[in-house]
Amino acid sequence: MSSTPNIPERQNNPTHFGGDGLYDSTGVEEAGSLTVSIGEQLDSASRQSVAALQRSASSILDYVRRNPVRVAIGAAGVAALLAAWSRRASRY
């Protein structure tokens, strides 16, 4: 009788460290398709964000066109506030 226990043979498991199937070709193919999928997702996301930016810019322009007096008064108020802060900062 042997003093060492019989170790069962392991199947070719790509996730097992040192397994024969560690560098299986299907994993490379899956990685390639995953890269394409990520690229497509990024393209889709960038197209959606550009569309959202265009919608918000057009809605801002529509608001300015509908309310030019309010926008002018608001811009003058912001300019006056910045001028006051500037004068106050230059005193100290």
C-alpha atoms as a PDB file:
ATOM      1  CA  MET A   1       0.000   0.000   0.000  1.00  0.00           C
ATOM      2  CA  SER A   2       1.004   3.515  -0.776  1.00  0.00           C
ATOM      3  CA  SER A   3       1.227   6.144   1.943  1.00  0.00           C
ATOM      4  CA  THR A   4       0.103   8.963  -0.371  1.00  0.00           C
ATOM      5  CA  PRO A   5      -3.586   9.321  -1.144  1.00  0.00           C
ATOM      6  CA  ASN A   6      -4.823   8.902  -4.670  1.00  0.00           C
ATOM      7  CA  ILE A   7      -5.545  12.351  -6.119  1.00  0.00           C
ATOM      8  CA  PRO A   8      -8.429  12.320  -8.595  1.00  0.00           C
ATOM      9  CA  GLU A   9      -7.660  13.695 -12.025  1.00  0.00           C
ATOM     10  CA  ARG A  10      -9.026  17.143 -12.704  1.00  0.00           C
ATOM     11  CA  GLN A  11     -10.901  17.992 -15.845  1.00  0.00           C
ATOM     12  CA  ASN A  12      -9.580  20.632 -18.225  1.00  0.00           C
ATOM     13  CA  ASN A  13     -11.059  23.618 -16.462  1.00  0.00           C
ATOM     14  CA  PRO A  14     -10.032  27.014 -17.893  1.00  0.00           C
ATOM     15  CA  THR A  15     -10.650  28.692 -14.548  1.00  0.00           C
ATOM     16  CA  HIS A  16      -8.370  26.310 -12.671  1.00  0.00           C
ATOM     17  CA  PHE A  17      -4.848  27.606 -12.159  1.00  0.00           C
ATOM     18  CA  GLY A  18      -2.505  25.690 -14.419  1.00  0.00           C
ATOM     19  CA  GLY A  19      -5.292  23.877 -16.259  1.00  0.00           C
ATOM     20  CA  ASP A  20      -4.717  22.747 -19.815  1.00  0.00           C
ATOM     21  CA  GLY A  21      -7.638  24.793 -21.127  1.00  0.00           C
ATOM     22  CA  LEU A  22      -6.406  28.053 -19.618  1.00  0.00           C
ATOM     23  CA  TYR A  23      -5.834  29.706 -22.988  1.00  0.00           C
ATOM     24  CA  ASP A  24      -8.841  28.374 -24.809  1.00  0.00           C
ATOM     25  CA  SER A  25      -9.525  29.967 -28.196  1.00  0.00           C
ATOM     26  CA  THR A  26     -13.206  30.523 -27.398  1.00  0.00           C
ATOM     27  CA  GLY A  27     -12.213  32.963 -24.673  1.00  0.00           C
ATOM     28  CA  VAL A  28     -10.300  35.058 -27.191  1.00  0.00           C
ATOM     29  CA  GLU A  29     -13.289  35.088 -29.543  1.00  0.00           C
ATOM     30  CA  GLU A  30     -15.595  36.095 -26.694  1.00  0.00           C
ATOM     31  CA  ALA A  31     -13.221  38.900 -25.699  1.00  0.00           C
ATOM     32  CA  GLY A  32     -13.232  40.208 -29.275  1.00  0.00           C
ATOM     33  CA  SER A  33     -17.008  40.253 -29.431  1.00  0.00           C
ATOM     34  CA  LEU A  34     -17.118  41.875 -26.003  1.00  0.00           C
ATOM     35  CA  THR A  35     -14.836  44.658 -27.222  1.00  0.00           C
ATOM     36  CA  VAL A  36     -17.089  45.273 -30.204  1.00  0.00           C
ATOM     37  CA  SER A  37     -20.106  45.280 -27.934  1.00  0.00           C
ATOM     38  CA  ILE A  38     -18.510  47.815 -25.579  1.00  0.00           C
ATOM     39  CA  GLY A  39     -17.601  50.018 -28.544  1.00  0.00           C
ATOM     40  CA  GLU A  40     -21.151  49.870 -29.820  1.00  0.00           C
ATOM     41  CA  GLN A  41     -22.477  50.721 -26.352  1.00  0.00           C
ATOM     42  CA  LEU A  42     -20.138  53.720 -26.084  1.00  0.00           C
ATOM     43  CA  ASP A  43     -21.194  54.931 -29.535  1.00  0.00           C
ATOM     44  CA  SER A  44     -24.837  54.616 -28.557  1.00  0.00           C
ATOM     45  CA  ALA A  45     -24.265  56.439 -25.262  1.00  0.00           C
ATOM     46  CA  SER A  46     -22.385  59.278 -26.956  1.00  0.00           C
ATOM     47  CA  ARG A  47     -25.150  59.641 -29.557  1.00  0.00           C
ATOM     48  CA  GLN A  48     -27.757  59.779 -26.792  1.00  0.00           C
ATOM     49  CA  SER A  49     -25.810  62.390 -24.809  1.00  0.00           C
ATOM     50  CA  VAL A  50     -25.334  64.564 -27.905  1.00  0.00           C
ATOM     51  CA  ALA A  51     -29.066  64.330 -28.607  1.00  0.00           C
ATOM     52  CA  ALA A  52     -29.848  65.319 -25.002  1.00  0.00           C
ATOM     53  CA  LEU A  53     -27.439  68.258 -25.244  1.00  0.00           C
ATOM     54  CA  GLN A  54     -29.103  69.422 -28.460  1.00  0.00           C
ATOM     55  CA  ARG A  55     -32.553  69.167 -26.844  1.00  0.00           C
ATOM     56  CA  SER A  56     -31.472  71.180 -23.804  1.00  0.00           C
ATOM     57  CA  ALA A  57     -29.715  73.813 -25.924  1.00  0.00           C
ATOM     58  CA  SER A  58     -32.763  74.217 -28.130  1.00  0.00           C
ATOM     59  CA  SER A  59     -35.048  74.502 -25.087  1.00  0.00           C
ATOM     60  CA  ILE A  60     -32.775  77.202 -23.605  1.00  0.00           C
ATOM     61  CA  LEU A  61     -32.821  79.114 -26.890  1.00  0.00           C
ATOM     62  CA  ASP A  62     -36.603  78.778 -27.050  1.00  0.00           C
ATOM     63  CA  TYR A  63     -36.880  80.200 -23.528  1.00  0.00           C
ATOM     64  CA  VAL A  64     -34.632  83.154 -24.437  1.00  0.00           C
ATOM     65  CA  ARG A  65     -36.679  83.834 -27.568  1.00  0.00           C
ATOM     66  CA  ARG A  66     -39.947  83.749 -25.619  1.00  0.00           C
ATOM     67  CA  ASN A  67     -38.671  85.849 -22.680  1.00  0.00           C
ATOM     68  CA  PRO A  68     -36.020  88.306 -23.922  1.00  0.00           C
ATOM     69  CA  VAL A  69     -36.797  90.964 -21.291  1.00  0.00           C
ATOM     70  CA  ARG A  70     -36.499  88.537 -18.375  1.00  0.00           C
ATOM     71  CA  VAL A  71     -33.220  87.159 -19.716  1.00  0.00           C
ATOM     72  CA  ALA A  72     -31.801  90.668 -20.223  1.00  0.00           C
ATOM     73  CA  ILE A  73     -32.778  91.708 -16.684  1.00  0.00           C
ATOM     74  CA  GLY A  74     -31.265  88.499 -15.268  1.00  0.00           C
ATOM     75  CA  ALA A  75     -28.024  88.962 -17.201  1.00  0.00           C
ATOM     76  CA  ALA A  76     -27.774  92.598 -16.043  1.00  0.00           C
ATOM     77  CA  GLY A  77     -28.346  91.490 -12.449  1.00  0.00           C
ATOM     78  CA  VAL A  78     -25.600  88.875 -12.643  1.00  0.00           C
ATOM     79  CA  ALA A  79     -23.222  91.415 -14.213  1.00  0.00           C
ATOM     80  CA  ALA A  80     -24.007  93.942 -11.456  1.00  0.00           C
ATOM     81  CA  LEU A  81     -23.426  91.298  -8.785  1.00  0.00           C
ATOM     82  CA  LEU A  82     -20.058  90.346 -10.275  1.00  0.00           C
ATOM     83  CA  ALA A  83     -19.046  94.022 -10.523  1.00  0.00           C
ATOM     84  CA  ALA A  84     -19.977  94.588  -6.872  1.00  0.00           C
ATOM     85  CA  TRP A  85     -17.947  91.564  -5.786  1.00  0.00           C
ATOM     86  CA  SER A  86     -15.024  92.781  -7.841  1.00  0.00           C
ATOM     87  CA  ARG A  87     -15.141  96.267  -6.296  1.00  0.00           C
ATOM     88  CA  ARG A  88     -15.407  94.813  -2.833  1.00  0.00           C
ATOM     89  CA  ALA A  89     -12.507  92.414  -3.394  1.00  0.00           C
ATOM     90  CA  SER A  90     -10.284  95.191  -4.721  1.00  0.00           C
ATOM     91  CA  ARG A  91     -10.856  97.282  -1.547  1.00  0.00           C
ATOM     92  CA  TYR A  92      -9.431  94.574   0.689  1.00  0.00           C
END
